PDB file of all heavy atoms in Angstrom:
ATOM      1  N   PHE A   1     -82.249  49.263 125.284  1.00  0.00           N
ATOM      2  CA  PHE A   1     -81.390  49.496 126.446  1.00  0.00           C
ATOM      3  C   PHE A   1     -81.403  50.982 126.756  1.00  0.00           C
ATOM      4  O   PHE A   1     -81.223  51.819 125.864  1.00  0.00           O
ATOM      5  CB  PHE A   1     -79.952  49.019 126.205  1.00  0.00           C
ATOM      6  CG  PHE A   1     -79.106  49.132 127.444  1.00  0.00           C
ATOM      7  CD1 PHE A   1     -79.379  48.337 128.551  1.00  0.00           C
ATOM      8  CD2 PHE A   1     -78.067  50.038 127.525  1.00  0.00           C
ATOM      9  CE1 PHE A   1     -78.624  48.442 129.712  1.00  0.00           C
ATOM     10  CE2 PHE A   1     -77.304  50.150 128.675  1.00  0.00           C
ATOM     11  CZ  PHE A   1     -77.581  49.344 129.772  1.00  0.00           C
ATOM     12  N   VAL A   2     -81.647  51.292 128.024  1.00  0.00           N
ATOM     13  CA  VAL A   2     -81.755  52.676 128.483  1.00  0.00           C
ATOM     14  C   VAL A   2     -80.642  52.937 129.479  1.00  0.00           C
ATOM     15  O   VAL A   2     -80.529  52.232 130.489  1.00  0.00           O
ATOM     16  CB  VAL A   2     -83.123  52.923 129.155  1.00  0.00           C
ATOM     17  CG1 VAL A   2     -83.249  54.377 129.575  1.00  0.00           C
ATOM     18  CG2 VAL A   2     -84.261  52.531 128.228  1.00  0.00           C
ATOM     19  N   TYR A   3     -79.785  53.933 129.185  1.00  0.00           N
ATOM     20  CA  TYR A   3     -78.721  54.288 130.132  1.00  0.00           C
ATOM     21  C   TYR A   3     -78.479  55.781 130.119  1.00  0.00           C
ATOM     22  O   TYR A   3     -78.271  56.393 129.065  1.00  0.00           O
ATOM     23  CB  TYR A   3     -77.411  53.566 129.796  1.00  0.00           C
ATOM     24  CG  TYR A   3     -76.266  54.019 130.685  1.00  0.00           C
ATOM     25  CD1 TYR A   3     -76.306  53.797 132.061  1.00  0.00           C
ATOM     26  CD2 TYR A   3     -75.178  54.696 130.168  1.00  0.00           C
ATOM     27  CE1 TYR A   3     -75.284  54.226 132.892  1.00  0.00           C
ATOM     28  CE2 TYR A   3     -74.146  55.128 130.988  1.00  0.00           C
ATOM     29  CZ  TYR A   3     -74.207  54.887 132.349  1.00  0.00           C
ATOM     30  OH  TYR A   3     -73.193  55.322 133.170  1.00  0.00           O
ATOM     31  N   SER A   4     -78.538  56.358 131.296  1.00  0.00           N
ATOM     32  CA  SER A   4     -78.167  57.759 131.475  1.00  0.00           C
ATOM     33  C   SER A   4     -77.733  57.941 132.921  1.00  0.00           C
ATOM     34  O   SER A   4     -78.526  57.694 133.845  1.00  0.00           O
ATOM     35  CB  SER A   4     -79.337  58.697 131.155  1.00  0.00           C
ATOM     36  OG  SER A   4     -79.030  60.028 131.529  1.00  0.00           O
ATOM     37  N   LYS A   5     -76.500  58.323 133.121  1.00  0.00           N
ATOM     38  CA  LYS A   5     -76.004  58.551 134.477  1.00  0.00           C
ATOM     39  C   LYS A   5     -76.745  59.709 135.122  1.00  0.00           C
ATOM     40  O   LYS A   5     -77.063  59.681 136.313  1.00  0.00           O
ATOM     41  CB  LYS A   5     -74.502  58.843 134.435  1.00  0.00           C
ATOM     42  CG  LYS A   5     -73.828  58.830 135.803  1.00  0.00           C
ATOM     43  CD  LYS A   5     -72.328  58.947 135.675  1.00  0.00           C
ATOM     44  CE  LYS A   5     -71.659  58.852 137.032  1.00  0.00           C
ATOM     45  NZ  LYS A   5     -70.170  58.957 136.913  1.00  0.00           N
ATOM     46  N   GLU A   6     -77.040  60.736 134.322  1.00  0.00           N
ATOM     47  CA  GLU A   6     -77.773  61.886 134.837  1.00  0.00           C
ATOM     48  C   GLU A   6     -79.163  61.485 135.314  1.00  0.00           C
ATOM     49  O   GLU A   6     -79.665  61.978 136.319  1.00  0.00           O
ATOM     50  CB  GLU A   6     -77.895  62.975 133.762  1.00  0.00           C
ATOM     51  CG  GLU A   6     -76.625  63.747 133.505  1.00  0.00           C
ATOM     52  CD  GLU A   6     -75.719  63.068 132.477  1.00  0.00           C
ATOM     53  OE1 GLU A   6     -75.917  61.859 132.223  1.00  0.00           O
ATOM     54  OE2 GLU A   6     -74.824  63.737 131.936  1.00  0.00           O
ATOM     55  N   PHE A   7     -79.800  60.572 134.581  1.00  0.00           N
ATOM     56  CA  PHE A   7     -81.147  60.152 134.935  1.00  0.00           C
ATOM     57  C   PHE A   7     -81.165  59.022 135.953  1.00  0.00           C
ATOM     58  O   PHE A   7     -82.222  58.666 136.469  1.00  0.00           O
ATOM     59  CB  PHE A   7     -81.895  59.681 133.679  1.00  0.00           C
ATOM     60  CG  PHE A   7     -82.317  60.789 132.757  1.00  0.00           C
ATOM     61  CD1 PHE A   7     -81.936  62.104 132.987  1.00  0.00           C
ATOM     62  CD2 PHE A   7     -83.089  60.528 131.650  1.00  0.00           C
ATOM     63  CE1 PHE A   7     -82.312  63.120 132.137  1.00  0.00           C
ATOM     64  CE2 PHE A   7     -83.489  61.546 130.785  1.00  0.00           C
ATOM     65  CZ  PHE A   7     -83.096  62.840 131.031  1.00  0.00           C
ATOM     66  N   GLY A   8     -79.994  58.420 136.195  1.00  0.00           N
ATOM     67  CA  GLY A   8     -79.954  57.287 137.108  1.00  0.00           C
ATOM     68  C   GLY A   8     -80.617  56.050 136.539  1.00  0.00           C
ATOM     69  O   GLY A   8     -81.202  55.248 137.265  1.00  0.00           O
ATOM     70  N   LEU A   9     -80.529  55.873 135.203  1.00  0.00           N
ATOM     71  CA  LEU A   9     -81.194  54.752 134.535  1.00  0.00           C
ATOM     72  C   LEU A   9     -80.170  53.855 133.852  1.00  0.00           C
ATOM     73  O   LEU A   9     -79.265  54.343 133.177  1.00  0.00           O
ATOM     74  CB  LEU A   9     -82.177  55.265 133.488  1.00  0.00           C
ATOM     75  CG  LEU A   9     -83.368  56.081 133.989  1.00  0.00           C
ATOM     76  CD1 LEU A   9     -84.104  56.703 132.816  1.00  0.00           C
ATOM     77  CD2 LEU A   9     -84.307  55.218 134.804  1.00  0.00           C
ATOM     78  N   LYS A  10     -80.320  52.566 134.022  1.00  0.00           N
ATOM     79  CA  LYS A  10     -79.535  51.581 133.266  1.00  0.00           C
ATOM     80  C   LYS A  10     -80.287  50.259 133.313  1.00  0.00           C
ATOM     81  O   LYS A  10     -80.221  49.523 134.275  1.00  0.00           O
ATOM     82  CB  LYS A  10     -78.102  51.449 133.786  1.00  0.00           C
ATOM     83  CG  LYS A  10     -77.945  51.241 135.280  1.00  0.00           C
ATOM     84  CD  LYS A  10     -76.461  51.136 135.636  1.00  0.00           C
ATOM     85  CE  LYS A  10     -76.276  50.963 137.142  1.00  0.00           C
ATOM     86  NZ  LYS A  10     -74.831  50.861 137.487  1.00  0.00           N
ATOM     87  N   THR A  11     -81.015  49.982 132.239  1.00  0.00           N
ATOM     88  CA  THR A  11     -81.858  48.797 132.235  1.00  0.00           C
ATOM     89  C   THR A  11     -82.243  48.396 130.813  1.00  0.00           C
ATOM     90  O   THR A  11     -82.256  49.232 129.903  1.00  0.00           O
ATOM     91  CB  THR A  11     -83.130  49.049 133.065  1.00  0.00           C
ATOM     92  OG1 THR A  11     -83.884  47.848 133.162  1.00  0.00           O
ATOM     93  CG2 THR A  11     -84.001  50.127 132.439  1.00  0.00           C
ATOM     94  N   PHE A  12     -82.559  47.112 130.646  1.00  0.00           N
ATOM     95  CA  PHE A  12     -83.159  46.618 129.415  1.00  0.00           C
ATOM     96  C   PHE A  12     -84.674  46.687 129.565  1.00  0.00           C
ATOM     97  O   PHE A  12     -85.214  46.426 130.638  1.00  0.00           O
ATOM     98  CB  PHE A  12     -82.757  45.164 129.155  1.00  0.00           C
ATOM     99  CG  PHE A  12     -81.341  44.985 128.691  1.00  0.00           C
ATOM    100  CD1 PHE A  12     -80.320  44.732 129.592  1.00  0.00           C
ATOM    101  CD2 PHE A  12     -81.024  45.048 127.336  1.00  0.00           C
ATOM    102  CE1 PHE A  12     -79.014  44.553 129.165  1.00  0.00           C
ATOM    103  CE2 PHE A  12     -79.729  44.876 126.894  1.00  0.00           C
ATOM    104  CZ  PHE A  12     -78.718  44.633 127.810  1.00  0.00           C
ATOM    105  N   THR A  13     -85.358  47.022 128.475  1.00  0.00           N
ATOM    106  CA  THR A  13     -86.815  46.965 128.462  1.00  0.00           C
ATOM    107  C   THR A  13     -87.250  46.214 127.209  1.00  0.00           C
ATOM    108  O   THR A  13     -86.436  45.930 126.333  1.00  0.00           O
ATOM    109  CB  THR A  13     -87.453  48.373 128.465  1.00  0.00           C
ATOM    110  OG1 THR A  13     -87.158  49.032 127.218  1.00  0.00           O
ATOM    111  CG2 THR A  13     -86.927  49.212 129.605  1.00  0.00           C
ATOM    112  N   GLY A  14     -88.536  45.928 127.115  1.00  0.00           N
ATOM    113  CA  GLY A  14     -89.065  45.233 125.959  1.00  0.00           C
ATOM    114  C   GLY A  14     -89.195  46.137 124.753  1.00  0.00           C
ATOM    115  O   GLY A  14     -88.877  47.333 124.810  1.00  0.00           O
ATOM    116  N   PRO A  15     -89.684  45.608 123.633  1.00  0.00           N
ATOM    117  CA  PRO A  15     -89.763  46.384 122.378  1.00  0.00           C
ATOM    118  C   PRO A  15     -90.709  47.570 122.476  1.00  0.00           C
ATOM    119  O   PRO A  15     -90.565  48.550 121.757  1.00  0.00           O
ATOM    120  CB  PRO A  15     -90.265  45.358 121.359  1.00  0.00           C
ATOM    121  CG  PRO A  15     -90.963  44.324 122.173  1.00  0.00           C
ATOM    122  CD  PRO A  15     -90.210  44.247 123.462  1.00  0.00           C
ATOM    123  N   ASN A  16     -91.683  47.491 123.369  1.00  0.00           N
ATOM    124  CA  ASN A  16     -92.656  48.572 123.522  1.00  0.00           C
ATOM    125  C   ASN A  16     -92.412  49.370 124.794  1.00  0.00           C
ATOM    126  O   ASN A  16     -93.300  50.050 125.301  1.00  0.00           O
ATOM    127  CB  ASN A  16     -94.078  48.006 123.529  1.00  0.00           C
ATOM    128  CG  ASN A  16     -94.406  47.315 122.228  1.00  0.00           C
ATOM    129  OD1 ASN A  16     -94.118  47.833 121.153  1.00  0.00           O
ATOM    130  ND2 ASN A  16     -94.991  46.138 122.309  1.00  0.00           N
ATOM    131  N   GLY A  17     -91.191  49.285 125.301  1.00  0.00           N
ATOM    132  CA  GLY A  17     -90.860  50.047 126.497  1.00  0.00           C
ATOM    133  C   GLY A  17     -91.287  49.329 127.768  1.00  0.00           C
ATOM    134  O   GLY A  17     -91.515  48.125 127.788  1.00  0.00           O
ATOM    135  N   MET A  18     -91.394  50.091 128.831  1.00  0.00           N
ATOM    136  CA  MET A  18     -91.775  49.537 130.117  1.00  0.00           C
ATOM    137  C   MET A  18     -93.263  49.175 130.109  1.00  0.00           C
ATOM    138  O   MET A  18     -94.050  49.755 129.374  1.00  0.00           O
ATOM    139  CB  MET A  18     -91.464  50.547 131.224  1.00  0.00           C
ATOM    140  CG  MET A  18     -89.986  50.903 131.297  1.00  0.00           C
ATOM    141  SD  MET A  18     -89.593  52.154 132.538  1.00  0.00           S
ATOM    142  CE  MET A  18     -89.864  51.235 134.041  1.00  0.00           C
ATOM    143  N   LYS A  19     -93.631  48.207 130.924  1.00  0.00           N
ATOM    144  CA  LYS A  19     -95.009  47.736 130.955  1.00  0.00           C
ATOM    145  C   LYS A  19     -95.869  48.691 131.770  1.00  0.00           C
ATOM    146  O   LYS A  19     -95.737  48.783 132.988  1.00  0.00           O
ATOM    147  CB  LYS A  19     -95.062  46.322 131.537  1.00  0.00           C
ATOM    148  CG  LYS A  19     -94.377  45.276 130.661  1.00  0.00           C
ATOM    149  CD  LYS A  19     -94.504  43.878 131.244  1.00  0.00           C
ATOM    150  CE  LYS A  19     -93.845  42.851 130.344  1.00  0.00           C
ATOM    151  NZ  LYS A  19     -93.943  41.477 130.911  1.00  0.00           N
ATOM    152  N   ILE A  20     -96.737  49.393 131.072  1.00  0.00           N
ATOM    153  CA  ILE A  20     -97.619  50.369 131.677  1.00  0.00           C
ATOM    154  C   ILE A  20     -99.055  49.982 131.327  1.00  0.00           C
ATOM    155  O   ILE A  20     -99.334  49.555 130.203  1.00  0.00           O
ATOM    156  CB  ILE A  20     -97.321  51.793 131.152  1.00  0.00           C
ATOM    157  CG1 ILE A  20     -95.847  52.140 131.368  1.00  0.00           C
ATOM    158  CG2 ILE A  20     -98.223  52.833 131.798  1.00  0.00           C
ATOM    159  CD1 ILE A  20     -95.416  52.142 132.816  1.00  0.00           C
ATOM    160  N   PRO A  21    -100.001  50.120 132.262  1.00  0.00           N
ATOM    161  CA  PRO A  21    -101.399  49.820 131.931  1.00  0.00           C
ATOM    162  C   PRO A  21    -101.875  50.608 130.712  1.00  0.00           C
ATOM    163  O   PRO A  21    -101.541  51.788 130.566  1.00  0.00           O
ATOM    164  CB  PRO A  21    -102.151  50.248 133.202  1.00  0.00           C
ATOM    165  CG  PRO A  21    -101.139  50.166 134.293  1.00  0.00           C
ATOM    166  CD  PRO A  21     -99.824  50.528 133.661  1.00  0.00           C
ATOM    167  N   GLN A  22    -102.626  49.966 129.868  1.00  0.00           N
ATOM    168  CA  GLN A  22    -103.070  50.597 128.628  1.00  0.00           C
ATOM    169  C   GLN A  22    -104.061  51.733 128.844  1.00  0.00           C
ATOM    170  O   GLN A  22    -104.345  52.487 127.914  1.00  0.00           O
ATOM    171  CB  GLN A  22    -103.688  49.546 127.704  1.00  0.00           C
ATOM    172  CG  GLN A  22    -102.675  48.613 127.069  1.00  0.00           C
ATOM    173  CD  GLN A  22    -101.643  49.342 126.226  1.00  0.00           C
ATOM    174  OE1 GLN A  22    -102.001  50.153 125.366  1.00  0.00           O
ATOM    175  NE2 GLN A  22    -100.371  49.077 126.458  1.00  0.00           N
ATOM    176  N   ASP A  23    -104.558  51.872 130.056  1.00  0.00           N
ATOM    177  CA  ASP A  23    -105.485  52.976 130.334  1.00  0.00           C
ATOM    178  C   ASP A  23    -104.796  54.133 131.056  1.00  0.00           C
ATOM    179  O   ASP A  23    -105.447  55.011 131.609  1.00  0.00           O
ATOM    180  CB  ASP A  23    -106.670  52.484 131.173  1.00  0.00           C
ATOM    181  CG  ASP A  23    -106.244  51.952 132.545  1.00  0.00           C
ATOM    182  OD1 ASP A  23    -105.021  51.822 132.793  1.00  0.00           O
ATOM    183  OD2 ASP A  23    -107.131  51.658 133.365  1.00  0.00           O
ATOM    184  N   SER A  24    -103.438  54.138 131.022  1.00  0.00           N
ATOM    185  CA  SER A  24    -102.698  55.147 131.775  1.00  0.00           C
ATOM    186  C   SER A  24    -101.494  55.672 130.998  1.00  0.00           C
ATOM    187  O   SER A  24    -101.044  55.057 130.032  1.00  0.00           O
ATOM    188  CB  SER A  24    -102.206  54.561 133.114  1.00  0.00           C
ATOM    189  OG  SER A  24    -103.276  54.076 133.886  1.00  0.00           O
ATOM    190  N   ILE A  25    -100.964  56.797 131.464  1.00  0.00           N
ATOM    191  CA  ILE A  25     -99.723  57.386 130.958  1.00  0.00           C
ATOM    192  C   ILE A  25     -98.855  57.717 132.171  1.00  0.00           C
ATOM    193  O   ILE A  25     -99.337  58.328 133.127  1.00  0.00           O
ATOM    194  CB  ILE A  25     -99.985  58.670 130.152  1.00  0.00           C
ATOM    195  CG1 ILE A  25    -100.823  58.369 128.907  1.00  0.00           C
ATOM    196  CG2 ILE A  25     -98.676  59.340 129.742  1.00  0.00           C
ATOM    197  CD1 ILE A  25    -101.313  59.614 128.203  1.00  0.00           C
ATOM    198  N   TYR A  26     -97.581  57.292 132.131  1.00  0.00           N
ATOM    199  CA  TYR A  26     -96.638  57.585 133.218  1.00  0.00           C
ATOM    200  C   TYR A  26     -95.497  58.435 132.659  1.00  0.00           C
ATOM    201  O   TYR A  26     -95.084  58.237 131.510  1.00  0.00           O
ATOM    202  CB  TYR A  26     -96.027  56.305 133.793  1.00  0.00           C
ATOM    203  CG  TYR A  26     -96.948  55.397 134.570  1.00  0.00           C
ATOM    204  CD1 TYR A  26     -98.327  55.601 134.623  1.00  0.00           C
ATOM    205  CD2 TYR A  26     -96.424  54.305 135.258  1.00  0.00           C
ATOM    206  CE1 TYR A  26     -99.161  54.743 135.325  1.00  0.00           C
ATOM    207  CE2 TYR A  26     -97.246  53.443 135.968  1.00  0.00           C
ATOM    208  CZ  TYR A  26     -98.613  53.665 136.002  1.00  0.00           C
ATOM    209  OH  TYR A  26     -99.416  52.806 136.699  1.00  0.00           O
ATOM    210  N   PHE A  27     -94.972  59.336 133.486  1.00  0.00           N
ATOM    211  CA  PHE A  27     -93.750  60.030 133.071  1.00  0.00           C
ATOM    212  C   PHE A  27     -92.993  60.603 134.270  1.00  0.00           C
ATOM    213  O   PHE A  27     -93.555  60.803 135.345  1.00  0.00           O
ATOM    214  CB  PHE A  27     -94.036  61.115 132.021  1.00  0.00           C
ATOM    215  CG  PHE A  27     -94.877  62.281 132.494  1.00  0.00           C
ATOM    216  CD1 PHE A  27     -94.280  63.455 132.952  1.00  0.00           C
ATOM    217  CD2 PHE A  27     -96.251  62.226 132.432  1.00  0.00           C
ATOM    218  CE1 PHE A  27     -95.055  64.526 133.352  1.00  0.00           C
ATOM    219  CE2 PHE A  27     -97.032  63.300 132.827  1.00  0.00           C
ATOM    220  CZ  PHE A  27     -96.432  64.463 133.294  1.00  0.00           C
ATOM    221  N   GLN A  28     -91.687  60.809 134.063  1.00  0.00           N
ATOM    222  CA  GLN A  28     -90.827  61.509 135.004  1.00  0.00           C
ATOM    223  C   GLN A  28     -90.228  62.707 134.290  1.00  0.00           C
ATOM    224  O   GLN A  28     -90.152  62.737 133.060  1.00  0.00           O
ATOM    225  CB  GLN A  28     -89.701  60.589 135.502  1.00  0.00           C
ATOM    226  CG  GLN A  28     -90.158  59.518 136.464  1.00  0.00           C
ATOM    227  CD  GLN A  28     -89.018  58.594 136.861  1.00  0.00           C
ATOM    228  OE1 GLN A  28     -88.835  57.538 136.265  1.00  0.00           O
ATOM    229  NE2 GLN A  28     -88.243  58.988 137.852  1.00  0.00           N
ATOM    230  N   VAL A  29     -89.784  63.685 135.082  1.00  0.00           N
ATOM    231  CA  VAL A  29     -89.321  64.936 134.497  1.00  0.00           C
ATOM    232  C   VAL A  29     -87.898  65.252 134.945  1.00  0.00           C
ATOM    233  O   VAL A  29     -87.577  65.199 136.143  1.00  0.00           O
ATOM    234  CB  VAL A  29     -90.256  66.102 134.873  1.00  0.00           C
ATOM    235  CG1 VAL A  29     -89.889  67.349 134.092  1.00  0.00           C
ATOM    236  CG2 VAL A  29     -91.704  65.741 134.607  1.00  0.00           C
ATOM    237  N   TYR A  30     -87.047  65.549 133.962  1.00  0.00           N
ATOM    238  CA  TYR A  30     -85.659  65.943 134.203  1.00  0.00           C
ATOM    239  C   TYR A  30     -85.539  67.462 134.077  1.00  0.00           C
ATOM    240  O   TYR A  30     -86.052  68.063 133.134  1.00  0.00           O
ATOM    241  CB  TYR A  30     -84.742  65.261 133.178  1.00  0.00           C
ATOM    242  CG  TYR A  30     -83.284  65.642 133.310  1.00  0.00           C
ATOM    243  CD1 TYR A  30     -82.483  65.098 134.303  1.00  0.00           C
ATOM    244  CD2 TYR A  30     -82.705  66.546 132.415  1.00  0.00           C
ATOM    245  CE1 TYR A  30     -81.154  65.435 134.413  1.00  0.00           C
ATOM    246  CE2 TYR A  30     -81.371  66.887 132.520  1.00  0.00           C
ATOM    247  CZ  TYR A  30     -80.605  66.329 133.518  1.00  0.00           C
ATOM    248  OH  TYR A  30     -79.284  66.673 133.615  1.00  0.00           O
ATOM    249  N   ASN A  31     -84.851  68.084 135.040  1.00  0.00           N
ATOM    250  CA  ASN A  31     -84.663  69.535 135.032  1.00  0.00           C
ATOM    251  C   ASN A  31     -83.361  69.865 134.305  1.00  0.00           C
ATOM    252  O   ASN A  31     -82.275  69.777 134.865  1.00  0.00           O
ATOM    253  CB  ASN A  31     -84.625  70.071 136.472  1.00  0.00           C
ATOM    254  CG  ASN A  31     -84.596  71.588 136.524  1.00  0.00           C
ATOM    255  OD1 ASN A  31     -84.202  72.253 135.577  1.00  0.00           O
ATOM    256  ND2 ASN A  31     -85.012  72.141 137.653  1.00  0.00           N
ATOM    257  N   GLY A  32     -83.498  70.237 133.032  1.00  0.00           N
ATOM    258  CA  GLY A  32     -82.336  70.599 132.226  1.00  0.00           C
ATOM    259  C   GLY A  32     -82.175  72.097 132.044  1.00  0.00           C
ATOM    260  O   GLY A  32     -81.454  72.542 131.144  1.00  0.00           O
ATOM    261  N   LEU A  33     -82.836  72.892 132.886  1.00  0.00           N
ATOM    262  CA  LEU A  33     -82.769  74.354 132.776  1.00  0.00           C
ATOM    263  C   LEU A  33     -81.430  74.871 133.287  1.00  0.00           C
ATOM    264  O   LEU A  33     -80.933  74.422 134.321  1.00  0.00           O
ATOM    265  CB  LEU A  33     -83.912  74.992 133.560  1.00  0.00           C
ATOM    266  CG  LEU A  33     -85.315  74.703 133.024  1.00  0.00           C
ATOM    267  CD1 LEU A  33     -86.355  75.030 134.085  1.00  0.00           C
ATOM    268  CD2 LEU A  33     -85.571  75.487 131.754  1.00  0.00           C
ATOM    269  N   GLY A  34     -80.854  75.818 132.568  1.00  0.00           N
ATOM    270  CA  GLY A  34     -79.588  76.404 132.978  1.00  0.00           C
ATOM    271  C   GLY A  34     -79.787  77.595 133.908  1.00  0.00           C
ATOM    272  O   GLY A  34     -80.865  78.197 133.948  1.00  0.00           O
ATOM    273  N   ALA A  35     -78.739  77.933 134.648  1.00  0.00           N
ATOM    274  CA  ALA A  35     -78.809  79.084 135.555  1.00  0.00           C
ATOM    275  C   ALA A  35     -78.986  80.384 134.793  1.00  0.00           C
ATOM    276  O   ALA A  35     -79.497  81.369 135.345  1.00  0.00           O
ATOM    277  CB  ALA A  35     -77.553  79.135 136.415  1.00  0.00           C
ATOM    278  N   ASP A  36     -78.567  80.415 133.510  1.00  0.00           N
ATOM    279  CA  ASP A  36     -78.735  81.630 132.713  1.00  0.00           C
ATOM    280  C   ASP A  36     -80.195  81.855 132.333  1.00  0.00           C
ATOM    281  O   ASP A  36     -80.590  82.978 132.002  1.00  0.00           O
ATOM    282  CB  ASP A  36     -77.877  81.570 131.448  1.00  0.00           C
ATOM    283  CG  ASP A  36     -78.114  80.319 130.629  1.00  0.00           C
ATOM    284  OD1 ASP A  36     -78.697  79.368 131.173  1.00  0.00           O
ATOM    285  OD2 ASP A  36     -77.715  80.286 129.458  1.00  0.00           O
ATOM    286  N   PHE A  37     -81.007  80.804 132.393  1.00  0.00           N
ATOM    287  CA  PHE A  37     -82.429  80.967 132.110  1.00  0.00           C
ATOM    288  C   PHE A  37     -83.149  81.541 133.328  1.00  0.00           C
ATOM    289  O   PHE A  37     -83.956  82.477 133.214  1.00  0.00           O
ATOM    290  CB  PHE A  37     -83.056  79.624 131.728  1.00  0.00           C
ATOM    291  CG  PHE A  37     -84.550  79.669 131.591  1.00  0.00           C
ATOM    292  CD1 PHE A  37     -85.135  80.208 130.456  1.00  0.00           C
ATOM    293  CD2 PHE A  37     -85.363  79.188 132.601  1.00  0.00           C
ATOM    294  CE1 PHE A  37     -86.520  80.267 130.338  1.00  0.00           C
ATOM    295  CE2 PHE A  37     -86.746  79.238 132.479  1.00  0.00           C
ATOM    296  CZ  PHE A  37     -87.315  79.793 131.350  1.00  0.00           C
TER     297      PHE A  37
END
Protein backbone atom coordinates (compact mmCIF):
# COMPACT_ATOMS: atom_id res chain seq x y z
CA PHE A 1 0.00 0.00 0.00
CA VAL A 2 1.38 3.36 -1.10
CA TYR A 3 0.14 6.59 0.50
CA SER A 4 1.61 10.05 0.58
CA LYS A 5 -0.44 13.23 0.56
CA GLU A 6 2.61 15.16 -0.60
CA PHE A 7 3.06 12.80 -3.53
CA GLY A 8 -0.65 12.55 -4.30
CA LEU A 9 -0.49 8.74 -4.05
CA LYS A 10 -2.92 6.33 -2.40
CA THR A 11 -3.16 2.91 -3.97
CA PHE A 12 -2.61 -0.82 -3.57
CA THR A 13 -0.03 -2.47 -5.81
CA GLY A 14 1.16 -6.03 -6.29
CA PRO A 15 4.12 -7.68 -4.52
CA ASN A 16 6.54 -6.47 -7.19
CA GLY A 17 5.17 -2.96 -7.38
CA MET A 18 3.45 -1.41 -10.36
CA LYS A 19 3.41 -3.32 -13.65
CA ILE A 20 6.22 -1.95 -15.78
CA PRO A 21 7.62 -3.53 -18.97
CA GLN A 22 10.68 -5.62 -18.18
CA ASP A 23 12.71 -3.76 -20.79
CA SER A 24 12.09 -0.35 -19.19
CA ILE A 25 12.55 1.78 -16.06
CA TYR A 26 9.99 4.41 -14.98
CA PHE A 27 10.31 7.07 -12.31
CA GLN A 28 8.88 10.34 -10.99
CA VAL A 29 10.77 12.97 -9.04
CA TYR A 30 9.77 14.81 -5.86
CA ASN A 31 11.35 18.20 -5.10
CA GLY A 32 12.33 18.04 -1.43
CA LEU A 33 14.90 20.86 -1.61
CA GLY A 34 14.62 23.56 1.04
CA ALA A 35 14.80 27.31 0.44
CA ASP A 36 17.97 27.38 2.56
CA PHE A 37 19.69 25.22 -0.06
